[in-house]
Protein backbone atom coordinates (compact mmCIF):
# COMPACT_ATOMS: atom_id res chain seq x y z
CA MET A 1 -40.48 1.57 10.46
CA SER A 2 -39.81 5.18 9.90
CA ARG A 3 -36.61 5.88 11.69
CA GLY A 4 -38.58 9.03 13.23
CA PHE A 5 -40.31 6.37 15.11
CA VAL A 6 -36.77 5.42 16.79
CA LYS A 7 -35.96 6.62 20.05
CA GLU A 8 -32.72 8.86 20.04
CA GLY A 9 -30.05 6.81 22.08
CA ASP A 10 -31.21 3.28 19.59
CA GLN A 11 -29.60 4.86 16.60
CA GLU A 12 -26.94 2.47 15.79
CA GLU A 13 -23.83 4.80 15.23
CA ALA A 14 -22.09 4.61 11.71
CA PRO A 15 -18.54 3.40 11.49
CA LEU A 16 -16.03 6.17 10.44
CA VAL A 17 -13.78 3.83 7.80
CA THR A 18 -10.78 5.39 6.92
CA PRO A 19 -10.29 4.58 3.10
CA ARG A 20 -6.96 2.78 1.72
CA ALA A 21 -4.11 4.12 0.45
CA TYR A 22 -5.08 6.56 -2.32
CA LEU A 23 -5.14 5.40 -6.13
CA PRO A 24 -6.24 7.11 -9.17
CA ALA A 25 -8.98 5.79 -10.47
CA GLY A 26 -7.96 4.41 -13.69
CA VAL A 27 -4.91 3.10 -12.71
CA VAL A 28 -3.86 -0.39 -12.78
CA ASN A 29 -3.66 -2.03 -8.48
CA TYR A 30 -0.03 -3.30 -8.92
CA VAL A 31 1.45 -5.69 -6.18
CA THR A 32 4.37 -7.53 -5.78
CA PRO A 33 3.61 -11.75 -4.79
CA ASN A 34 4.55 -10.42 -1.47
CA GLY A 35 2.47 -7.41 -1.12
CA ILE A 36 -0.81 -9.50 -2.16
CA LYS A 37 0.19 -12.31 0.32
CA GLU A 38 0.07 -9.25 3.15
CA LEU A 39 -3.37 -8.21 1.88
CA LYS A 40 -4.89 -11.76 2.05
CA HIS A 41 -3.09 -12.20 5.76
CA GLU A 42 -4.75 -9.03 6.35
CA GLN A 43 -8.18 -10.34 5.27
CA ASN A 44 -7.57 -13.30 7.32
CA LEU A 45 -6.85 -11.50 10.33
CA LEU A 46 -10.45 -9.20 9.81
CA ILE A 47 -12.49 -12.25 9.24
CA GLU A 48 -11.29 -13.91 12.00
CA GLU A 49 -11.78 -10.97 14.41
CA ARG A 50 -15.41 -10.81 12.96
CA LYS A 51 -15.89 -13.53 13.64
CA LEU A 52 -14.96 -14.14 17.00
CA LEU A 53 -16.79 -10.95 17.71
CA THR A 54 -20.07 -12.40 16.09
CA GLU A 55 -19.87 -15.12 18.32
CA GLN A 56 -19.94 -13.21 21.23
CA PHE A 57 -22.47 -10.96 19.69
CA ASN A 58 -23.50 -8.46 21.97
CA GLU A 59 -25.63 -4.44 21.22
CA ASN A 60 -21.90 -3.72 22.36
CA ASN A 61 -20.04 -4.62 19.55
CA ARG A 62 -22.23 -4.52 16.94
CA VAL A 63 -20.38 -1.22 15.89
CA GLN A 64 -17.08 -2.62 15.86
CA ILE A 65 -18.50 -5.51 13.42
CA ASN A 66 -19.48 -3.08 10.99
CA PHE A 67 -16.85 -1.36 10.93
CA ILE A 68 -14.58 -4.74 10.61
CA THR A 69 -17.21 -5.71 7.74
CA SER A 70 -16.65 -2.48 5.83
CA ARG A 71 -13.22 -2.04 6.62
CA LEU A 72 -13.26 -6.24 4.98
CA HIS A 73 -15.36 -4.33 1.25
CA LEU A 74 -12.75 -2.05 0.85
CA LEU A 75 -10.00 -4.36 1.39
CA GLU A 76 -11.48 -7.08 -0.83
CA ASP A 77 -11.87 -4.46 -3.61
CA ARG A 78 -8.06 -3.98 -3.71
CA ILE A 79 -7.56 -7.63 -3.68
CA ASN A 80 -10.22 -8.05 -6.36
CA SER A 81 -8.16 -5.42 -8.91
CA ALA A 82 -4.78 -6.40 -7.62
CA ARG A 83 -3.08 -7.41 -10.61
CA ILE A 84 0.35 -9.29 -8.77
CA VAL A 85 3.64 -8.43 -11.00
CA ASP A 86 5.82 -11.34 -11.30
CA LEU A 87 9.50 -9.99 -10.68
CA THR A 88 11.49 -12.92 -12.36
CA ASN A 89 9.99 -11.35 -15.73
CA GLN A 90 10.82 -7.95 -14.80
CA PRO A 91 13.84 -6.56 -16.82
CA GLN A 92 17.30 -7.65 -14.62
CA ASN A 93 19.13 -4.46 -15.56
CA GLU A 94 16.32 -1.73 -15.72
CA ILE A 95 14.12 -0.17 -12.90
CA HIS A 96 10.73 -1.14 -12.97
CA PHE A 97 7.83 -1.86 -10.77
CA GLY A 98 9.14 -4.54 -7.72
CA ALA A 99 12.81 -3.14 -8.25
CA ARG A 100 15.34 -2.86 -5.21
CA ILE A 101 17.44 -0.35 -5.60
CA THR A 102 20.60 0.92 -3.77
CA LEU A 103 21.14 4.83 -4.28
CA PHE A 104 24.17 6.73 -3.43
CA LYS A 105 23.86 10.77 -2.39
CA ASN A 106 27.47 12.34 -3.14
CA LYS A 107 25.97 15.62 -0.73
CA GLU A 108 25.45 13.34 2.35
CA ASP A 109 28.10 10.78 1.23
CA TYR A 110 25.27 8.03 2.46
CA GLU A 111 23.82 4.62 0.68
CA SER A 112 19.87 4.34 0.51
CA GLN A 113 17.71 0.90 -0.60
CA TYR A 114 14.36 1.42 -2.15
CA GLN A 115 11.76 -0.64 -2.96
CA ILE A 116 9.42 0.14 -5.70
CA VAL A 117 5.81 -1.41 -4.44
CA GLY A 118 2.06 -1.41 -4.88
CA VAL A 119 0.59 1.66 -2.57
CA ASP A 120 -0.95 -0.52 -0.63
CA GLU A 121 2.29 -2.11 0.29
CA ALA A 122 4.37 1.46 0.26
CA ASN A 123 5.59 1.84 3.73
CA VAL A 124 8.65 4.54 4.21
CA SER A 125 10.12 2.62 7.66
CA GLN A 126 10.33 -0.78 5.63
CA ASN A 127 11.61 1.94 2.39
CA LYS A 128 9.03 0.23 0.35
CA VAL A 129 7.89 3.40 -2.01
CA SER A 130 4.69 3.24 -3.89
CA PHE A 131 5.18 3.12 -7.68
CA LEU A 132 3.19 6.62 -7.82
CA SER A 133 5.58 7.94 -5.45
CA PRO A 134 7.62 11.46 -7.15
CA ILE A 135 10.85 9.27 -6.45
CA ALA A 136 10.00 5.84 -8.25
CA LYS A 137 8.04 8.03 -10.98
CA VAL A 138 11.90 9.40 -11.48
CA LEU A 139 13.56 6.06 -11.19
CA LEU A 140 11.37 4.55 -13.22
CA ASN A 141 13.32 2.67 -16.72
CA LYS A 142 17.01 3.95 -15.42
CA ARG A 143 19.87 1.86 -15.29
CA ALA A 144 22.29 0.71 -12.52
CA GLY A 145 25.05 3.92 -12.55
CA ASP A 146 22.66 6.02 -14.05
CA VAL A 147 22.49 9.62 -11.72
CA ILE A 148 19.17 10.96 -11.65
CA THR A 149 17.88 14.25 -9.73
CA LEU A 150 14.91 14.33 -7.55
CA GLN A 151 13.18 17.72 -6.36
CA THR A 152 11.91 18.10 -2.91
CA PRO A 153 10.62 20.26 -0.53
CA ASN A 154 14.37 21.31 0.56
CA GLY A 155 15.35 21.13 -3.14
CA LYS A 156 17.51 19.02 -5.39
CA VAL A 157 18.77 16.08 -4.00
CA ILE A 158 21.01 14.20 -6.89
CA MET A 159 21.63 10.59 -6.26
CA LYS A 160 23.58 7.73 -8.66
CA ILE A 161 21.87 4.33 -9.13
CA GLU A 162 24.17 1.45 -7.22
CA ALA A 163 22.57 -1.82 -8.09
CA ILE A 164 18.70 -2.65 -9.13
CA GLU A 165 17.72 -6.00 -7.91
CA TYR A 166 14.60 -8.05 -7.93
CA GLN A 167 13.16 -10.26 -5.12
């Protein structure tokens, strides 16, 4: 039947699914071992939620099931494209993907830590920054003792790399 013959109230609302974290075309989807665990955990939660809604199916939760299914498709694409980086194989004396870095900011007399992770793992509140972020790009291939300069909207920030570790 053509959609032209359907009553206006019968039309299904299309779910608005926000895209996952930005990953430019052609860029490898690097993830840490912990990151792939988190993605698969998220996948399992969504599958369980969809299963529960399907078992209790009614017209009111059709949109929610479609929304979850759409999110699952995006998530599965990320999982399937993931390239897991074994952190034990990273050069321990240089900053590469997966490194946890301790930085000292001279001006503020403040020490901070960051870990360079995949785009889906990045979480500022956990001090996890994407490998595509400006700070990660400045830190890559540096060593403990190096001094870096990061250009921020508030000006330049000078930091010394105190320690590098992989966990």
